[in-house]
Amino acid sequence: MKTTSGVYVRKARIQDVRSIHALLMDCSKQGLLLPRSYNQLYSHLRDFFVLAQNQGGVILGCCALSIAWEDLAEIRSLAVAPELRGHGWGRRLAEACLSDAVTLGIYRVFTLTYQASFFERLGFQVVNKDNLPQKVWADCLHCPKFPDCDETAMAIDM
């Protein structure tokens, strides 16, 4: 088990993209989330927070807040390295995104997830996917699982 001393949450940097991609691909292979391409990561880098180590710049987790509309944002690509799961780091990453949403004046956040119980513990509730705006579904058109999405839609009002 790796120590968590010297681990902290910060905004992502350009040098983090390859590590974020590797982490997301590993989690995708485990069926925990959908993969993201390098193009998507570079295009949305400013959306990401990472869990980093002081020494060596190792990325141990990530989470993104993507603005969907004037009053709605999405938490996406939440991943934590296996050795750090169950220690509250996923919660810290998600809370960083929720705090960012409030800072931006956005008080409704949703997620499409395979990890519904995790988001329930944060206060999210299951919602009907049909209630999400069309703008959200623009991303879904590029998903290999479209139109047979098997993720759970959840939202929180802050």
Protein backbone atom coordinates (compact mmCIF):
# COMPACT_ATOMS: atom_id res chain seq x y z
CA MET A 1 0.00 0.00 0.00
CA LYS A 2 1.39 3.37 -0.98
CA THR A 3 1.53 6.04 1.66
CA THR A 4 -0.82 8.97 1.27
CA SER A 5 1.61 11.49 2.74
CA GLY A 6 2.47 14.08 0.16
CA VAL A 7 -0.69 13.39 -1.85
CA TYR A 8 -2.91 16.35 -2.68
CA VAL A 9 -5.65 17.57 -5.03
CA ARG A 10 -4.77 20.27 -7.58
CA LYS A 11 -5.81 21.49 -11.02
CA ALA A 12 -4.45 19.40 -13.89
CA ARG A 13 -1.48 20.52 -15.96
CA ILE A 14 -0.54 19.73 -19.54
CA GLN A 15 2.16 17.33 -18.33
CA ASP A 16 -0.55 15.26 -16.58
CA VAL A 17 -2.48 14.26 -19.72
CA ARG A 18 -0.62 11.02 -20.44
CA SER A 19 -0.95 9.88 -16.82
CA ILE A 20 -4.65 10.82 -16.73
CA HIS A 21 -5.20 8.89 -19.95
CA ALA A 22 -3.42 5.79 -18.60
CA LEU A 23 -5.45 5.91 -15.37
CA LEU A 24 -8.74 6.31 -17.25
CA MET A 25 -7.88 3.49 -19.66
CA ASP A 26 -7.07 1.15 -16.73
CA CYS A 27 -10.38 2.01 -15.05
CA SER A 28 -12.21 1.60 -18.36
CA LYS A 29 -10.79 -1.91 -18.78
CA GLN A 30 -12.19 -2.71 -15.32
CA GLY A 31 -15.64 -1.49 -16.42
CA LEU A 32 -15.63 1.39 -13.94
CA LEU A 33 -16.04 4.22 -16.46
CA LEU A 34 -15.96 5.04 -20.15
CA PRO A 35 -12.59 5.81 -21.76
CA ARG A 36 -11.50 9.26 -22.93
CA SER A 37 -9.29 9.96 -25.93
CA TYR A 38 -6.18 12.11 -25.81
CA ASN A 39 -8.07 14.65 -27.92
CA GLN A 40 -10.85 14.85 -25.34
CA LEU A 41 -8.35 15.21 -22.50
CA TYR A 42 -6.33 17.96 -24.17
CA SER A 43 -9.53 19.78 -25.17
CA HIS A 44 -10.96 19.63 -21.64
CA LEU A 45 -7.81 19.76 -19.52
CA ARG A 46 -9.02 22.86 -17.66
CA ASP A 47 -12.00 20.83 -16.39
CA PHE A 48 -9.75 18.39 -14.51
CA PHE A 49 -8.54 18.12 -10.96
CA VAL A 50 -5.89 15.52 -10.19
CA LEU A 51 -4.67 13.64 -7.17
CA ALA A 52 -0.91 14.12 -7.30
CA GLN A 53 2.16 13.21 -5.29
CA ASN A 54 4.65 15.88 -4.28
CA GLN A 55 7.55 13.70 -5.40
CA GLY A 56 7.80 12.68 -9.04
CA GLY A 57 4.55 14.16 -10.27
CA VAL A 58 2.75 10.81 -10.19
CA ILE A 59 -1.00 11.14 -10.89
CA LEU A 60 -3.05 8.85 -8.64
CA GLY A 61 -6.54 10.13 -9.44
CA CYS A 62 -8.57 12.55 -11.51
CA CYS A 63 -12.02 14.07 -11.88
CA ALA A 64 -13.48 16.64 -14.26
CA LEU A 65 -16.27 19.22 -14.04
CA SER A 66 -17.69 19.90 -17.47
CA ILE A 67 -20.12 22.79 -17.96
CA ALA A 68 -23.17 21.53 -19.85
CA TRP A 69 -25.37 24.62 -19.81
CA GLU A 70 -25.81 27.91 -17.97
CA ASP A 71 -27.23 26.15 -14.91
CA LEU A 72 -25.89 22.62 -15.21
CA ALA A 73 -22.50 20.90 -15.02
CA GLU A 74 -21.34 17.30 -15.17
CA ILE A 75 -18.87 15.39 -13.04
CA ARG A 76 -17.03 12.97 -15.29
CA SER A 77 -13.92 10.83 -15.50
CA LEU A 78 -13.62 10.25 -11.75
CA ALA A 79 -10.86 7.70 -11.19
CA VAL A 80 -8.54 6.79 -8.33
CA ALA A 81 -5.60 4.38 -8.45
CA PRO A 82 -6.56 0.99 -6.97
CA GLU A 83 -4.16 1.26 -4.04
CA LEU A 84 -5.80 4.51 -2.85
CA ARG A 85 -9.46 3.51 -3.25
CA GLY A 86 -11.56 3.45 -0.12
CA HIS A 87 -9.57 6.20 1.61
CA GLY A 88 -11.71 9.21 0.71
CA TRP A 89 -9.69 10.44 -2.26
CA GLY A 90 -12.54 9.97 -4.74
CA ARG A 91 -14.76 12.02 -2.43
CA ARG A 92 -12.13 14.77 -2.26
CA LEU A 93 -11.84 14.90 -6.04
CA ALA A 94 -15.64 15.01 -6.48
CA GLU A 95 -15.95 17.68 -3.78
CA ALA A 96 -13.30 19.78 -5.56
CA CYS A 97 -15.50 19.66 -8.67
CA LEU A 98 -18.65 20.48 -6.71
CA SER A 99 -16.88 23.43 -5.08
CA ASP A 100 -15.75 24.60 -8.51
CA ALA A 101 -19.37 24.44 -9.73
CA VAL A 102 -20.53 26.66 -6.85
CA THR A 103 -17.66 29.09 -7.53
CA LEU A 104 -18.90 29.31 -11.13
CA GLY A 105 -22.49 29.89 -9.96
CA ILE A 106 -23.74 26.47 -11.07
CA TYR A 107 -25.89 24.77 -8.45
CA ARG A 108 -27.07 21.63 -10.28
CA VAL A 109 -24.55 18.93 -11.15
CA PHE A 110 -25.18 15.56 -12.74
CA THR A 111 -23.17 12.49 -13.56
CA LEU A 112 -23.57 9.41 -15.71
CA THR A 113 -21.99 6.60 -13.73
CA TYR A 114 -21.49 2.90 -13.08
CA GLN A 115 -20.77 3.77 -9.42
CA ALA A 116 -24.21 4.91 -8.21
CA SER A 117 -23.61 4.03 -4.55
CA PHE A 118 -20.52 6.26 -4.42
CA PHE A 119 -22.47 9.26 -5.73
CA GLU A 120 -25.44 8.50 -3.44
CA ARG A 121 -23.10 8.93 -0.47
CA LEU A 122 -22.29 12.42 -1.82
CA GLY A 123 -25.99 13.34 -1.96
CA PHE A 124 -26.71 12.60 -5.64
CA GLN A 125 -30.06 11.06 -6.55
CA VAL A 126 -31.02 8.96 -9.55
CA VAL A 127 -32.73 10.99 -12.30
CA ASN A 128 -34.33 10.08 -15.59
CA LYS A 129 -31.86 10.48 -18.47
CA ASP A 130 -34.66 11.98 -20.56
CA ASN A 131 -34.63 15.01 -18.23
CA LEU A 132 -31.06 15.91 -19.21
CA PRO A 133 -30.82 18.59 -21.92
CA GLN A 134 -30.02 17.75 -25.53
CA LYS A 135 -26.62 19.43 -25.17
CA VAL A 136 -25.63 16.64 -22.78
CA TRP A 137 -26.52 13.98 -25.33
CA ALA A 138 -24.19 15.55 -27.93
CA ASP A 139 -21.31 13.80 -26.14
CA CYS A 140 -23.27 10.57 -26.03
CA LEU A 141 -23.47 10.43 -29.83
CA HIS A 142 -19.74 9.65 -29.90
CA CYS A 143 -19.95 6.89 -27.30
CA PRO A 144 -19.61 3.29 -28.51
CA LYS A 145 -22.56 2.34 -26.27
CA PHE A 146 -24.96 4.89 -27.79
CA PRO A 147 -27.98 4.58 -27.84
CA ASP A 148 -27.94 1.68 -25.37
CA CYS A 149 -26.42 3.57 -22.44
CA ASP A 150 -26.02 1.41 -19.34
CA GLU A 151 -24.85 4.18 -17.01
CA THR A 152 -27.02 5.58 -14.22
CA ALA A 153 -27.93 9.27 -14.45
CA MET A 154 -27.71 11.06 -11.10
CA ALA A 155 -27.94 14.70 -10.03
CA ILE A 156 -27.48 16.91 -7.00
CA ASP A 157 -28.87 20.39 -6.28
CA MET A 158 -26.65 22.47 -4.03
